[in-house]
Structure formats: C-alpha cells, structure tokens
Amino acid sequence: MYWFDVDKHKSPHFHVRYQGTEWVYDFKGSLLARNINPRVDHLIKEWCSIRSDELETAWQRAIKGEPLPWIAPLN
C-alpha cells in the first residue's frame, strides 16, 4: 500500500505484483487497471474476500502514516 501520496490514491486499494506485472485492485476485488490472467484474478478476489478486514485496517494505518501490518498471502 502507498500512503505517501493520499491525493493521488484517495480510494482504498492495493497493488499486486506477480511475475513482473503489476495490477491495482479495490478491497472488493475489482480490478482497477490493466488486464490480468483470469486464474490470477480469481485468486486475488478470493484473497480479498478472506482478508477484507485486514485490508481496511492496513489502509487506515497507511493514510495516517503508521507502519503497515503484515497480511498473509493466500494459502
């Protein structure tokens, strides 16, 4: 998560990096930019569903400039 440019990144979202490509998702699992492999998209949406509360907590900390908590990957 990026917290140093709140003007540019107003809505809660996160960046996914996978095999040299980056995508941007909102906390509901909607892809905000670029195309993605459907399998990878499904996995990210599943992760968002499982980790939605943690994502929201991390976002709130990020916009306050606080250290971000670790959010576990999809098992």
PDB file of N, CA and C in Angstrom:
ATOM      1  N   MET A   1       0.845  -1.178   0.000  1.00  0.00           N
ATOM      2  CA  MET A   1       0.000   0.000   0.000  1.00  0.00           C
ATOM      3  C   MET A   1       0.885   1.234   0.000  1.00  0.00           C
ATOM      4  N   TYR A   2       0.384   2.259  -0.658  1.00  0.00           N
ATOM      5  CA  TYR A   2       1.098   3.524  -0.705  1.00  0.00           C
ATOM      6  C   TYR A   2       0.357   4.534   0.149  1.00  0.00           C
ATOM      7  N   TRP A   3       1.041   5.164   1.070  1.00  0.00           N
ATOM      8  CA  TRP A   3       0.390   6.154   1.916  1.00  0.00           C
ATOM      9  C   TRP A   3       0.996   7.538   1.744  1.00  0.00           C
ATOM     10  N   PHE A   4       2.058   7.636   0.973  1.00  0.00           N
ATOM     11  CA  PHE A   4       2.761   8.899   0.870  1.00  0.00           C
ATOM     12  C   PHE A   4       2.135   9.844  -0.145  1.00  0.00           C
ATOM     13  N   ASP A   5       1.148   9.423  -0.906  1.00  0.00           N
ATOM     14  CA  ASP A   5       0.503  10.276  -1.898  1.00  0.00           C
ATOM     15  C   ASP A   5      -1.006  10.100  -1.808  1.00  0.00           C
ATOM     16  N   VAL A   6      -1.594  10.566  -0.719  1.00  0.00           N
ATOM     17  CA  VAL A   6      -3.024  10.388  -0.478  1.00  0.00           C
ATOM     18  C   VAL A   6      -3.850  11.132  -1.523  1.00  0.00           C
ATOM     19  N   ASP A   7      -3.336  12.240  -2.076  1.00  0.00           N
ATOM     20  CA  ASP A   7      -4.082  12.956  -3.112  1.00  0.00           C
ATOM     21  C   ASP A   7      -4.249  12.103  -4.364  1.00  0.00           C
ATOM     22  N   LYS A   8      -3.240  11.355  -4.723  1.00  0.00           N
ATOM     23  CA  LYS A   8      -3.302  10.505  -5.913  1.00  0.00           C
ATOM     24  C   LYS A   8      -4.073   9.222  -5.631  1.00  0.00           C
ATOM     25  N   HIS A   9      -3.950   8.704  -4.438  1.00  0.00           N
ATOM     26  CA  HIS A   9      -4.546   7.414  -4.083  1.00  0.00           C
ATOM     27  C   HIS A   9      -5.624   7.626  -3.031  1.00  0.00           C
ATOM     28  N   LYS A  10      -6.752   8.197  -3.423  1.00  0.00           N
ATOM     29  CA  LYS A  10      -7.793   8.524  -2.450  1.00  0.00           C
ATOM     30  C   LYS A  10      -8.637   7.328  -2.063  1.00  0.00           C
ATOM     31  N   SER A  11      -8.955   6.476  -3.006  1.00  0.00           N
ATOM     32  CA  SER A  11      -9.816   5.340  -2.677  1.00  0.00           C
ATOM     33  C   SER A  11      -8.973   4.163  -2.197  1.00  0.00           C
ATOM     34  N   PRO A  12      -9.466   3.416  -1.232  1.00  0.00           N
ATOM     35  CA  PRO A  12      -8.719   2.267  -0.721  1.00  0.00           C
ATOM     36  C   PRO A  12      -8.451   1.246  -1.830  1.00  0.00           C
ATOM     37  N   HIS A  13      -7.208   0.864  -1.963  1.00  0.00           N
ATOM     38  CA  HIS A  13      -6.813  -0.096  -2.998  1.00  0.00           C
ATOM     39  C   HIS A  13      -5.449  -0.674  -2.630  1.00  0.00           C
ATOM     40  N   PHE A  14      -5.052  -1.676  -3.394  1.00  0.00           N
ATOM     41  CA  PHE A  14      -3.716  -2.235  -3.214  1.00  0.00           C
ATOM     42  C   PHE A  14      -3.159  -2.622  -4.569  1.00  0.00           C
ATOM     43  N   HIS A  15      -1.841  -2.768  -4.611  1.00  0.00           N
ATOM     44  CA  HIS A  15      -1.137  -3.138  -5.828  1.00  0.00           C
ATOM     45  C   HIS A  15      -0.693  -4.588  -5.708  1.00  0.00           C
ATOM     46  N   VAL A  16      -0.878  -5.336  -6.777  1.00  0.00           N
ATOM     47  CA  VAL A  16      -0.462  -6.735  -6.830  1.00  0.00           C
ATOM     48  C   VAL A  16       0.683  -6.832  -7.825  1.00  0.00           C
ATOM     49  N   ARG A  17       1.769  -7.443  -7.409  1.00  0.00           N
ATOM     50  CA  ARG A  17       2.883  -7.718  -8.320  1.00  0.00           C
ATOM     51  C   ARG A  17       3.012  -9.228  -8.452  1.00  0.00           C
ATOM     52  N   TYR A  18       3.000  -9.692  -9.704  1.00  0.00           N
ATOM     53  CA  TYR A  18       3.077 -11.133  -9.958  1.00  0.00           C
ATOM     54  C   TYR A  18       3.770 -11.344 -11.291  1.00  0.00           C
ATOM     55  N   GLN A  19       4.833 -12.093 -11.292  1.00  0.00           N
ATOM     56  CA  GLN A  19       5.600 -12.425 -12.486  1.00  0.00           C
ATOM     57  C   GLN A  19       5.938 -11.188 -13.319  1.00  0.00           C
ATOM     58  N   GLY A  20       6.406 -10.145 -12.642  1.00  0.00           N
ATOM     59  CA  GLY A  20       6.883  -8.956 -13.328  1.00  0.00           C
ATOM     60  C   GLY A  20       5.816  -7.982 -13.802  1.00  0.00           C
ATOM     61  N   THR A  21       4.563  -8.216 -13.468  1.00  0.00           N
ATOM     62  CA  THR A  21       3.475  -7.320 -13.864  1.00  0.00           C
ATOM     63  C   THR A  21       2.768  -6.814 -12.614  1.00  0.00           C
ATOM     64  N   GLU A  22       2.227  -5.604 -12.692  1.00  0.00           N
ATOM     65  CA  GLU A  22       1.530  -5.013 -11.543  1.00  0.00           C
ATOM     66  C   GLU A  22       0.095  -4.676 -11.922  1.00  0.00           C
ATOM     67  N   TRP A  23      -0.831  -4.931 -10.988  1.00  0.00           N
ATOM     68  CA  TRP A  23      -2.244  -4.596 -11.148  1.00  0.00           C
ATOM     69  C   TRP A  23      -2.705  -3.850  -9.911  1.00  0.00           C
ATOM     70  N   VAL A  24      -3.819  -3.131 -10.047  1.00  0.00           N
ATOM     71  CA  VAL A  24      -4.397  -2.385  -8.932  1.00  0.00           C
ATOM     72  C   VAL A  24      -5.822  -2.877  -8.718  1.00  0.00           C
ATOM     73  N   TYR A  25      -6.143  -3.203  -7.454  1.00  0.00           N
ATOM     74  CA  TYR A  25      -7.462  -3.707  -7.075  1.00  0.00           C
ATOM     75  C   TYR A  25      -8.041  -2.864  -5.955  1.00  0.00           C
ATOM     76  N   ASP A  26      -9.385  -2.785  -5.909  1.00  0.00           N
ATOM     77  CA  ASP A  26     -10.014  -2.220  -4.723  1.00  0.00           C
ATOM     78  C   ASP A  26     -10.210  -3.348  -3.713  1.00  0.00           C
ATOM     79  N   PHE A  27     -10.708  -3.019  -2.524  1.00  0.00           N
ATOM     80  CA  PHE A  27     -10.808  -4.013  -1.456  1.00  0.00           C
ATOM     81  C   PHE A  27     -11.910  -5.035  -1.684  1.00  0.00           C
ATOM     82  N   LYS A  28     -12.770  -4.805  -2.673  1.00  0.00           N
ATOM     83  CA  LYS A  28     -13.807  -5.781  -3.010  1.00  0.00           C
ATOM     84  C   LYS A  28     -13.330  -6.760  -4.070  1.00  0.00           C
ATOM     85  N   GLY A  29     -12.116  -6.541  -4.549  1.00  0.00           N
ATOM     86  CA  GLY A  29     -11.543  -7.442  -5.534  1.00  0.00           C
ATOM     87  C   GLY A  29     -11.781  -7.032  -6.971  1.00  0.00           C
ATOM     88  N   SER A  30     -12.192  -5.787  -7.196  1.00  0.00           N
ATOM     89  CA  SER A  30     -12.398  -5.299  -8.559  1.00  0.00           C
ATOM     90  C   SER A  30     -11.090  -4.764  -9.119  1.00  0.00           C
ATOM     91  N   LEU A  31     -10.748  -5.217 -10.304  1.00  0.00           N
ATOM     92  CA  LEU A  31      -9.547  -4.765 -10.988  1.00  0.00           C
ATOM     93  C   LEU A  31      -9.744  -3.324 -11.441  1.00  0.00           C
ATOM     94  N   LEU A  32      -8.843  -2.436 -11.063  1.00  0.00           N
ATOM     95  CA  LEU A  32      -8.976  -1.018 -11.393  1.00  0.00           C
ATOM     96  C   LEU A  32      -8.180  -0.620 -12.626  1.00  0.00           C
ATOM     97  N   ALA A  33      -7.167  -1.373 -12.981  1.00  0.00           N
ATOM     98  CA  ALA A  33      -6.351  -1.022 -14.133  1.00  0.00           C
ATOM     99  C   ALA A  33      -5.686  -2.268 -14.707  1.00  0.00           C
ATOM    100  N   ARG A  34      -5.546  -2.302 -16.011  1.00  0.00           N
ATOM    101  CA  ARG A  34      -4.876  -3.380 -16.758  1.00  0.00           C
ATOM    102  C   ARG A  34      -5.687  -4.669 -16.822  1.00  0.00           C
ATOM    103  N   ASN A  35      -5.320  -5.473 -17.780  1.00  0.00           N
ATOM    104  CA  ASN A  35      -5.906  -6.806 -17.914  1.00  0.00           C
ATOM    105  C   ASN A  35      -5.072  -7.795 -17.117  1.00  0.00           C
ATOM    106  N   ILE A  36      -5.687  -8.900 -16.737  1.00  0.00           N
ATOM    107  CA  ILE A  36      -4.988  -9.893 -15.930  1.00  0.00           C
ATOM    108  C   ILE A  36      -5.464 -11.286 -16.323  1.00  0.00           C
ATOM    109  N   ASN A  37      -4.610 -12.245 -16.137  1.00  0.00           N
ATOM    110  CA  ASN A  37      -4.957 -13.641 -16.366  1.00  0.00           C
ATOM    111  C   ASN A  37      -6.150 -13.996 -15.486  1.00  0.00           C
ATOM    112  N   PRO A  38      -7.201 -14.604 -16.039  1.00  0.00           N
ATOM    113  CA  PRO A  38      -8.400 -14.925 -15.250  1.00  0.00           C
ATOM    114  C   PRO A  38      -8.116 -15.776 -14.012  1.00  0.00           C
ATOM    115  N   ARG A  39      -7.169 -16.696 -14.082  1.00  0.00           N
ATOM    116  CA  ARG A  39      -6.836 -17.530 -12.925  1.00  0.00           C
ATOM    117  C   ARG A  39      -6.251 -16.684 -11.800  1.00  0.00           C
ATOM    118  N   VAL A  40      -5.326 -15.796 -12.142  1.00  0.00           N
ATOM    119  CA  VAL A  40      -4.714 -14.912 -11.150  1.00  0.00           C
ATOM    120  C   VAL A  40      -5.777 -13.975 -10.577  1.00  0.00           C
ATOM    121  N   ASP A  41      -6.648 -13.456 -11.430  1.00  0.00           N
ATOM    122  CA  ASP A  41      -7.733 -12.581 -10.990  1.00  0.00           C
ATOM    123  C   ASP A  41      -8.615 -13.294  -9.969  1.00  0.00           C
ATOM    124  N   HIS A  42      -8.948 -14.540 -10.221  1.00  0.00           N
ATOM    125  CA  HIS A  42      -9.774 -15.322  -9.291  1.00  0.00           C
ATOM    126  C   HIS A  42      -9.082 -15.472  -7.931  1.00  0.00           C
ATOM    127  N   LEU A  43      -7.793 -15.766  -7.951  1.00  0.00           N
ATOM    128  CA  LEU A  43      -7.044 -15.932  -6.701  1.00  0.00           C
ATOM    129  C   LEU A  43      -6.998 -14.631  -5.900  1.00  0.00           C
ATOM    130  N   ILE A  44      -6.818 -13.515  -6.585  1.00  0.00           N
ATOM    131  CA  ILE A  44      -6.770 -12.226  -5.894  1.00  0.00           C
ATOM    132  C   ILE A  44      -8.126 -11.899  -5.288  1.00  0.00           C
ATOM    133  N   LYS A  45      -9.196 -12.163  -6.018  1.00  0.00           N
ATOM    134  CA  LYS A  45     -10.542 -11.907  -5.487  1.00  0.00           C
ATOM    135  C   LYS A  45     -10.825 -12.776  -4.266  1.00  0.00           C
ATOM    136  N   GLU A  46     -10.376 -14.019  -4.308  1.00  0.00           N
ATOM    137  CA  GLU A  46     -10.540 -14.908  -3.153  1.00  0.00           C
ATOM    138  C   GLU A  46      -9.782 -14.349  -1.949  1.00  0.00           C
ATOM    139  N   TRP A  47      -8.542 -13.909  -2.173  1.00  0.00           N
ATOM    140  CA  TRP A  47      -7.730 -13.337  -1.105  1.00  0.00           C
ATOM    141  C   TRP A  47      -8.398 -12.093  -0.522  1.00  0.00           C
ATOM    142  N   CYS A  48      -8.935 -11.220  -1.383  1.00  0.00           N
ATOM    143  CA  CYS A  48      -9.631 -10.006  -0.912  1.00  0.00           C
ATOM    144  C   CYS A  48     -10.800 -10.356  -0.018  1.00  0.00           C
ATOM    145  N   SER A  49     -11.537 -11.366  -0.408  1.00  0.00           N
ATOM    146  CA  SER A  49     -12.699 -11.780   0.367  1.00  0.00           C
ATOM    147  C   SER A  49     -12.289 -12.244   1.762  1.00  0.00           C
ATOM    148  N   ILE A  50     -11.231 -13.012   1.821  1.00  0.00           N
ATOM    149  CA  ILE A  50     -10.744 -13.550   3.095  1.00  0.00           C
ATOM    150  C   ILE A  50     -10.115 -12.460   3.961  1.00  0.00           C
ATOM    151  N   ARG A  51      -9.425 -11.525   3.354  1.00  0.00           N
ATOM    152  CA  ARG A  51      -8.615 -10.534   4.079  1.00  0.00           C
ATOM    153  C   ARG A  51      -9.206  -9.126   4.093  1.00  0.00           C
ATOM    154  N   SER A  52     -10.493  -8.975   3.804  1.00  0.00           N
ATOM    155  CA  SER A  52     -11.077  -7.634   3.657  1.00  0.00           C
ATOM    156  C   SER A  52     -10.926  -6.776   4.914  1.00  0.00           C
ATOM    157  N   ASP A  53     -11.142  -7.344   6.083  1.00  0.00           N
ATOM    158  CA  ASP A  53     -10.992  -6.562   7.322  1.00  0.00           C
ATOM    159  C   ASP A  53      -9.544  -6.123   7.529  1.00  0.00           C
ATOM    160  N   GLU A  54      -8.613  -7.016   7.238  1.00  0.00           N
ATOM    161  CA  GLU A  54      -7.194  -6.677   7.379  1.00  0.00           C
ATOM    162  C   GLU A  54      -6.779  -5.597   6.380  1.00  0.00           C
ATOM    163  N   LEU A  55      -7.327  -5.664   5.168  1.00  0.00           N
ATOM    164  CA  LEU A  55      -7.034  -4.644   4.166  1.00  0.00           C
ATOM    165  C   LEU A  55      -7.525  -3.272   4.625  1.00  0.00           C
ATOM    166  N   GLU A  56      -8.716  -3.225   5.162  1.00  0.00           N
ATOM    167  CA  GLU A  56      -9.274  -1.955   5.640  1.00  0.00           C
ATOM    168  C   GLU A  56      -8.439  -1.391   6.789  1.00  0.00           C
ATOM    169  N   THR A  57      -8.040  -2.239   7.727  1.00  0.00           N
ATOM    170  CA  THR A  57      -7.191  -1.794   8.836  1.00  0.00           C
ATOM    171  C   THR A  57      -5.864  -1.254   8.317  1.00  0.00           C
ATOM    172  N   ALA A  58      -5.260  -1.966   7.378  1.00  0.00           N
ATOM    173  CA  ALA A  58      -3.984  -1.529   6.808  1.00  0.00           C
ATOM    174  C   ALA A  58      -4.142  -0.190   6.091  1.00  0.00           C
ATOM    175  N   TRP A  59      -5.250  -0.019   5.373  1.00  0.00           N
ATOM    176  CA  TRP A  59      -5.472   1.247   4.668  1.00  0.00           C
ATOM    177  C   TRP A  59      -5.577   2.405   5.659  1.00  0.00           C
ATOM    178  N   GLN A  60      -6.332   2.217   6.719  1.00  0.00           N
ATOM    179  CA  GLN A  60      -6.486   3.269   7.725  1.00  0.00           C
ATOM    180  C   GLN A  60      -5.139   3.634   8.340  1.00  0.00           C
ATOM    181  N   ARG A  61      -4.308   2.649   8.586  1.00  0.00           N
ATOM    182  CA  ARG A  61      -2.968   2.913   9.131  1.00  0.00           C
ATOM    183  C   ARG A  61      -2.105   3.625   8.094  1.00  0.00           C
ATOM    184  N   ALA A  62      -2.226   3.202   6.834  1.00  0.00           N
ATOM    185  CA  ALA A  62      -1.415   3.782   5.762  1.00  0.00           C
ATOM    186  C   ALA A  62      -1.685   5.268   5.598  1.00  0.00           C
ATOM    187  N   ILE A  63      -2.949   5.659   5.596  1.00  0.00           N
ATOM    188  CA  ILE A  63      -3.245   7.077   5.380  1.00  0.00           C
ATOM    189  C   ILE A  63      -2.859   7.939   6.581  1.00  0.00           C
ATOM    190  N   LYS A  64      -2.619   7.309   7.726  1.00  0.00           N
ATOM    191  CA  LYS A  64      -2.133   8.033   8.903  1.00  0.00           C
ATOM    192  C   LYS A  64      -0.608   8.032   8.978  1.00  0.00           C
ATOM    193  N   GLY A  65       0.033   7.327   8.032  1.00  0.00           N
ATOM    194  CA  GLY A  65       1.488   7.249   8.035  1.00  0.00           C
ATOM    195  C   GLY A  65       2.038   6.276   9.052  1.00  0.00           C
ATOM    196  N   GLU A  66       1.203   5.375   9.533  1.00  0.00           N
ATOM    197  CA  GLU A  66       1.623   4.385  10.529  1.00  0.00           C
ATOM    198  C   GLU A  66       2.189   3.142   9.843  1.00  0.00           C
ATOM    199  N   PRO A  67       2.986   2.365  10.565  1.00  0.00           N
ATOM    200  CA  PRO A  67       3.513   1.126   9.988  1.00  0.00           C
ATOM    201  C   PRO A  67       2.370   0.190   9.575  1.00  0.00           C
ATOM    202  N   LEU A  68       2.581  -0.492   8.472  1.00  0.00           N
ATOM    203  CA  LEU A  68       1.555  -1.399   7.960  1.00  0.00           C
ATOM    204  C   LEU A  68       1.703  -2.791   8.558  1.00  0.00           C
ATOM    205  N   PRO A  69       0.589  -3.417   8.890  1.00  0.00           N
ATOM    206  CA  PRO A  69       0.643  -4.789   9.396  1.00  0.00           C
ATOM    207  C   PRO A  69       0.871  -5.765   8.245  1.00  0.00           C
ATOM    208  N   TRP A  70       1.432  -6.908   8.558  1.00  0.00           N
ATOM    209  CA  TRP A  70       1.606  -7.973   7.576  1.00  0.00           C
ATOM    210  C   TRP A  70       0.242  -8.598   7.295  1.00  0.00           C
ATOM    211  N   ILE A  71      -0.062  -8.806   6.019  1.00  0.00           N
ATOM    212  CA  ILE A  71      -1.286  -9.505   5.631  1.00  0.00           C
ATOM    213  C   ILE A  71      -0.846 -10.777   4.925  1.00  0.00           C
ATOM    214  N   ALA A  72      -1.252 -11.892   5.468  1.00  0.00           N
ATOM    215  CA  ALA A  72      -0.815 -13.191   4.953  1.00  0.00           C
ATOM    216  C   ALA A  72      -1.292 -13.417   3.522  1.00  0.00           C
ATOM    217  N   PRO A  73      -0.489 -14.111   2.727  1.00  0.00           N
ATOM    218  CA  PRO A  73      -0.905 -14.447   1.364  1.00  0.00           C
ATOM    219  C   PRO A  73      -1.966 -15.545   1.376  1.00  0.00           C
ATOM    220  N   LEU A  74      -2.497 -15.820   0.218  1.00  0.00           N
ATOM    221  CA  LEU A  74      -3.453 -16.907   0.070  1.00  0.00           C
ATOM    222  C   LEU A  74      -2.706 -18.228   0.200  1.00  0.00           C
ATOM    223  N   ASN A  75      -3.235 -19.131   1.005  1.00  0.00           N
ATOM    224  CA  ASN A  75      -2.567 -20.431   1.199  1.00  0.00           C
ATOM    225  C   ASN A  75      -2.864 -21.368   0.057  1.00  0.00           C
TER     226      ASN A  75
END
